[in-house]
Amino acid sequence: MTSVLSETISALRSFDTPTVCNVIELFDVRPRSSGYMNKSINACFPELPPMVGFASTATFRALSPPRDGDVYSSIDRQLESLADIAAPPVVIFQDLDAPSAAATFGEVMCTTYQAFGCSGLITSGTGRDLDQVRALKFPAFTGGTCCSHGACHILSVNVPVVVGGITVYPMDLLHGDCNGVTVIPAEIANEIPDVCTEFMEAEKIVLDYVRTSGPTASGFTEARVGMSEAIQKITERIRRP
């Protein structure tokens, strides 16, 4: 597997998720309609900057208690597994209850994950304590909210999970912001930041034009062609044979 550089992780935080998605498309390494979460997953705190990290996956239930142990014992095993995840981890849960029976996370869990170096949390289920978690500035993405934790427990860790309509594997590189969450293919991850910068410069050709006084349809066409040509040059350079 391609090693994702620490400077890549830092640089990726400078770009919004739609720009990252646009750039991934240029590499043509996956279909355009795959690799990102659908509208069932939304940012709890859209004002926060982009979240970037490697998936620490888990499955979750809250409708009925575990057959043995207390409802919180399974989190100990999950925290131990974080040491094996490239920093920074993003905790991602598949809620196996359908529909979600209770909140996957609250203030205590998010405070704990943050203390263990996690950069965010995603769940296909629900969350609670949103005012307290917002104060932590800890990014969280959910399918909704619920006031109770029910009989919450973690069934398994570091297994493939299905969240937001896609399968996420342990150690997948995730990028999320107010627009949603995408998986960044590891084999192109180190190239993404520089190409994002180039892509945004290409978009500026049109943006700068339409922000001038008195733009015309013909002028817009000229600017759009210029943008397309710039993006095509980027594409030709980065595409794999």
Protein backbone atom coordinates (compact mmCIF):
# COMPACT_ATOMS: atom_id res chain seq x y z
CA MET A 1 0.00 0.00 0.00
CA THR A 2 1.20 3.51 -0.81
CA SER A 3 2.42 5.38 2.27
CA VAL A 4 0.54 8.64 2.84
CA LEU A 5 2.95 11.32 4.02
CA SER A 6 2.28 13.34 7.17
CA GLU A 7 2.69 16.55 5.17
CA THR A 8 -0.03 15.29 2.83
CA ILE A 9 -2.45 14.99 5.75
CA SER A 10 -1.66 18.55 6.85
CA ALA A 11 -2.02 19.92 3.33
CA LEU A 12 -5.35 18.17 2.74
CA ARG A 13 -6.88 20.16 5.61
CA SER A 14 -6.50 23.28 3.46
CA PHE A 15 -9.03 22.14 0.87
CA ASP A 16 -12.77 21.59 0.96
CA THR A 17 -14.14 18.12 0.25
CA PRO A 18 -15.81 19.03 -3.09
CA THR A 19 -12.45 20.22 -4.46
CA VAL A 20 -10.85 16.98 -3.30
CA CYS A 21 -13.63 15.03 -5.05
CA ASN A 22 -13.13 17.05 -8.25
CA VAL A 23 -9.43 16.25 -8.26
CA ILE A 24 -9.95 12.54 -7.56
CA GLU A 25 -12.13 12.44 -10.69
CA LEU A 26 -9.23 13.72 -12.81
CA PHE A 27 -7.14 10.66 -11.95
CA ASP A 28 -9.90 8.34 -13.24
CA VAL A 29 -9.12 5.68 -10.62
CA ARG A 30 -12.78 4.98 -9.77
CA PRO A 31 -16.26 5.69 -11.19
CA ARG A 32 -17.43 9.27 -10.63
CA SER A 33 -20.47 8.09 -8.70
CA SER A 34 -18.57 6.06 -6.11
CA GLY A 35 -16.22 6.60 -3.18
CA TYR A 36 -18.18 9.29 -1.32
CA MET A 37 -20.95 9.10 1.26
CA ASN A 38 -24.52 9.88 0.29
CA LYS A 39 -26.88 12.42 1.83
CA SER A 40 -27.69 10.15 4.79
CA ILE A 41 -24.45 11.34 6.44
CA ASN A 42 -24.29 15.00 7.45
CA ALA A 43 -21.88 17.20 9.39
CA CYS A 44 -23.10 17.96 12.90
CA PHE A 45 -20.86 21.03 13.01
CA PRO A 46 -20.58 22.40 9.47
CA GLU A 47 -18.65 25.43 10.70
CA LEU A 48 -15.59 23.31 11.54
CA PRO A 49 -12.63 23.03 9.13
CA PRO A 50 -12.12 19.86 7.09
CA MET A 51 -11.52 16.58 8.90
CA VAL A 52 -8.77 14.30 7.56
CA GLY A 53 -7.68 10.92 8.93
CA PHE A 54 -7.48 7.16 8.62
CA ALA A 55 -10.52 4.99 9.30
CA SER A 56 -10.75 3.13 12.60
CA THR A 57 -13.86 1.09 11.86
CA ALA A 58 -16.39 -0.51 14.22
CA THR A 59 -19.91 -1.92 14.33
CA PHE A 60 -22.43 -0.78 16.93
CA ARG A 61 -25.80 -1.69 18.46
CA ALA A 62 -27.95 -0.06 21.13
CA LEU A 63 -31.37 -1.75 20.89
CA SER A 64 -30.47 -4.55 23.31
CA PRO A 65 -27.55 -5.04 25.70
CA PRO A 66 -24.55 -7.28 24.94
CA ARG A 67 -24.81 -10.88 26.08
CA ASP A 68 -21.78 -10.47 28.32
CA GLY A 69 -19.87 -7.55 29.78
CA ASP A 70 -21.13 -4.03 30.38
CA VAL A 71 -22.21 -1.69 27.61
CA TYR A 72 -18.96 0.30 27.76
CA SER A 73 -16.40 -2.54 28.01
CA SER A 74 -15.99 -2.84 24.24
CA ILE A 75 -14.64 0.70 23.93
CA ASP A 76 -11.50 -0.39 25.81
CA ARG A 77 -10.62 -2.81 23.02
CA GLN A 78 -11.32 -0.14 20.43
CA LEU A 79 -9.03 2.38 22.12
CA GLU A 80 -6.24 -0.20 22.27
CA SER A 81 -6.60 -0.76 18.52
CA LEU A 82 -6.06 2.94 17.78
CA ALA A 83 -2.36 2.43 18.35
CA ASP A 84 -2.28 0.34 15.16
CA ILE A 85 -3.96 3.04 13.05
CA ALA A 86 -1.86 5.60 11.21
CA ALA A 87 -2.34 8.95 12.89
CA PRO A 88 -4.72 10.66 12.94
CA PRO A 89 -7.57 8.14 13.23
CA VAL A 90 -11.19 8.87 12.32
CA VAL A 91 -13.58 6.63 14.24
CA ILE A 92 -16.29 5.34 11.92
CA PHE A 93 -19.28 3.28 13.08
CA GLN A 94 -21.83 1.22 11.22
CA ASP A 95 -24.98 1.20 13.36
CA LEU A 96 -26.48 -2.26 12.87
CA ASP A 97 -29.85 -1.31 14.36
CA ALA A 98 -32.38 -0.44 11.67
CA PRO A 99 -33.63 2.10 12.37
CA SER A 100 -31.07 3.50 14.80
CA ALA A 101 -32.23 2.82 18.35
CA ALA A 102 -29.99 5.23 20.30
CA ALA A 103 -27.02 7.55 19.97
CA THR A 104 -23.65 6.14 18.96
CA PHE A 105 -21.74 8.92 20.71
CA GLY A 106 -22.00 11.70 23.24
CA GLU A 107 -19.72 14.06 25.14
CA VAL A 108 -17.79 11.37 27.04
CA MET A 109 -16.99 9.26 23.98
CA CYS A 110 -15.97 12.22 21.82
CA THR A 111 -13.81 13.68 24.59
CA THR A 112 -12.15 10.29 24.96
CA TYR A 113 -11.55 9.85 21.23
CA GLN A 114 -10.11 13.34 20.99
CA ALA A 115 -7.76 12.61 23.91
CA PHE A 116 -6.55 9.52 22.06
CA GLY A 117 -5.66 11.59 19.00
CA CYS A 118 -8.72 11.05 16.81
CA SER A 119 -9.56 13.80 14.34
CA GLY A 120 -13.28 13.07 14.07
CA LEU A 121 -16.12 10.57 14.16
CA ILE A 122 -18.62 9.27 11.61
CA THR A 123 -21.64 7.08 12.32
CA SER A 124 -24.45 5.76 10.17
CA GLY A 125 -26.54 6.06 13.31
CA THR A 126 -27.18 9.06 15.57
CA GLY A 127 -25.37 11.26 18.07
CA ARG A 128 -26.22 13.32 21.14
CA ASP A 129 -24.71 15.96 23.48
CA LEU A 130 -24.19 18.10 20.40
CA ASP A 131 -23.68 21.36 22.31
CA GLN A 132 -20.94 19.78 24.41
CA VAL A 133 -19.26 18.09 21.45
CA ARG A 134 -19.37 21.33 19.45
CA ALA A 135 -17.46 22.99 22.28
CA LEU A 136 -14.74 20.37 21.80
CA LYS A 137 -14.44 21.41 18.12
CA PHE A 138 -14.50 17.71 17.33
CA PRO A 139 -15.91 16.98 13.87
CA ALA A 140 -18.81 14.53 13.88
CA PHE A 141 -20.95 13.21 11.03
CA THR A 142 -24.21 11.36 11.60
CA GLY A 143 -27.49 10.22 10.19
CA GLY A 144 -29.38 12.19 12.86
CA THR A 145 -29.71 12.82 16.60
CA CYS A 146 -31.13 10.94 19.57
CA CYS A 147 -31.33 11.93 23.24
CA SER A 148 -30.46 8.52 24.77
CA HIS A 149 -27.53 6.12 24.55
CA GLY A 150 -29.75 3.06 25.00
CA ALA A 151 -27.81 -0.17 25.50
CA CYS A 152 -24.91 1.05 23.36
CA HIS A 153 -22.06 -1.37 22.72
CA ILE A 154 -19.41 -2.04 20.10
CA LEU A 155 -19.55 -5.47 18.49
CA SER A 156 -16.40 -5.52 16.36
CA VAL A 157 -13.49 -3.28 15.46
CA ASN A 158 -11.26 -2.98 12.39
CA VAL A 159 -13.72 -4.63 10.02
CA PRO A 160 -15.21 -3.30 6.78
CA VAL A 161 -18.29 -1.16 7.45
CA VAL A 162 -21.03 0.24 5.25
CA VAL A 163 -21.73 3.90 6.01
CA GLY A 164 -23.40 6.45 3.78
CA GLY A 165 -23.85 3.96 0.96
CA ILE A 166 -20.18 2.97 0.61
CA THR A 167 -17.93 0.35 2.14
CA VAL A 168 -15.14 1.78 4.27
CA TYR A 169 -12.16 -0.39 5.15
CA PRO A 170 -9.78 -0.01 8.09
CA MET A 171 -7.06 2.53 7.28
CA ASP A 172 -8.97 4.15 4.40
CA LEU A 173 -8.07 7.84 4.16
CA LEU A 174 -11.14 10.02 4.81
CA HIS A 175 -11.80 13.69 4.08
CA GLY A 176 -14.95 15.41 5.31
CA ASP A 177 -16.45 18.85 5.79
CA CYS A 178 -19.83 20.59 5.70
CA ASN A 179 -20.43 19.12 2.24
CA GLY A 180 -19.95 15.45 3.17
CA VAL A 181 -17.30 12.74 3.38
CA THR A 182 -15.16 11.03 0.72
CA VAL A 183 -12.52 8.30 0.67
CA ILE A 184 -9.21 9.35 -0.92
CA PRO A 185 -7.53 6.48 -2.77
CA ALA A 186 -4.15 5.88 -1.12
CA GLU A 187 -2.31 5.48 -4.42
CA ILE A 188 -2.98 9.10 -5.40
CA ALA A 189 -3.24 10.73 -1.96
CA ASN A 190 0.20 12.36 -1.96
CA GLU A 191 -0.55 14.07 -5.28
CA ILE A 192 -3.95 15.45 -4.30
CA PRO A 193 -2.89 18.68 -2.51
CA ASP A 194 -0.76 20.06 -5.36
CA VAL A 195 -3.39 19.16 -7.93
CA CYS A 196 -6.08 20.81 -5.77
CA THR A 197 -4.10 24.05 -5.94
CA GLU A 198 -3.80 23.77 -9.73
CA PHE A 199 -7.48 22.92 -10.09
CA MET A 200 -8.54 25.95 -8.06
CA GLU A 201 -6.33 28.16 -10.24
CA ALA A 202 -8.10 26.78 -13.30
CA GLU A 203 -11.51 27.50 -11.77
CA LYS A 204 -10.41 31.08 -11.07
CA ILE A 205 -10.35 31.74 -14.80
CA VAL A 206 -14.15 31.59 -14.84
CA LEU A 207 -14.69 32.94 -11.34
CA ASP A 208 -12.53 36.00 -11.92
CA TYR A 209 -14.31 36.72 -15.18
CA VAL A 210 -17.90 36.50 -13.89
CA ARG A 211 -16.95 38.69 -10.92
CA THR A 212 -15.94 41.53 -13.23
CA SER A 213 -18.41 44.23 -14.12
CA GLY A 214 -20.49 43.61 -17.21
CA PRO A 215 -19.68 40.00 -18.13
CA THR A 216 -21.06 38.81 -21.45
CA ALA A 217 -22.11 35.40 -22.72
CA SER A 218 -19.29 35.35 -25.26
CA GLY A 219 -16.79 36.41 -22.61
CA PHE A 220 -18.04 33.67 -20.33
CA THR A 221 -17.63 31.11 -23.11
CA GLU A 222 -14.05 32.23 -23.63
CA ALA A 223 -13.31 31.97 -19.90
CA ARG A 224 -14.97 28.57 -19.68
CA VAL A 225 -12.88 27.27 -22.58
CA GLY A 226 -9.76 28.60 -20.88
CA MET A 227 -10.69 26.80 -17.67
CA SER A 228 -11.42 23.56 -19.53
CA GLU A 229 -8.10 23.71 -21.34
CA ALA A 230 -6.24 24.27 -18.07
CA ILE A 231 -8.00 21.32 -16.43
CA GLN A 232 -7.30 19.16 -19.48
CA LYS A 233 -3.58 19.91 -19.22
CA ILE A 234 -3.66 18.85 -15.56
CA THR A 235 -5.53 15.67 -16.46
CA GLU A 236 -3.12 14.69 -19.21
CA ARG A 237 -0.17 15.10 -16.87
CA ILE A 238 -1.53 13.09 -13.93
CA ARG A 239 -3.41 10.25 -15.65
CA ARG A 240 -1.85 6.84 -15.28
CA PRO A 241 -0.96 5.06 -18.55
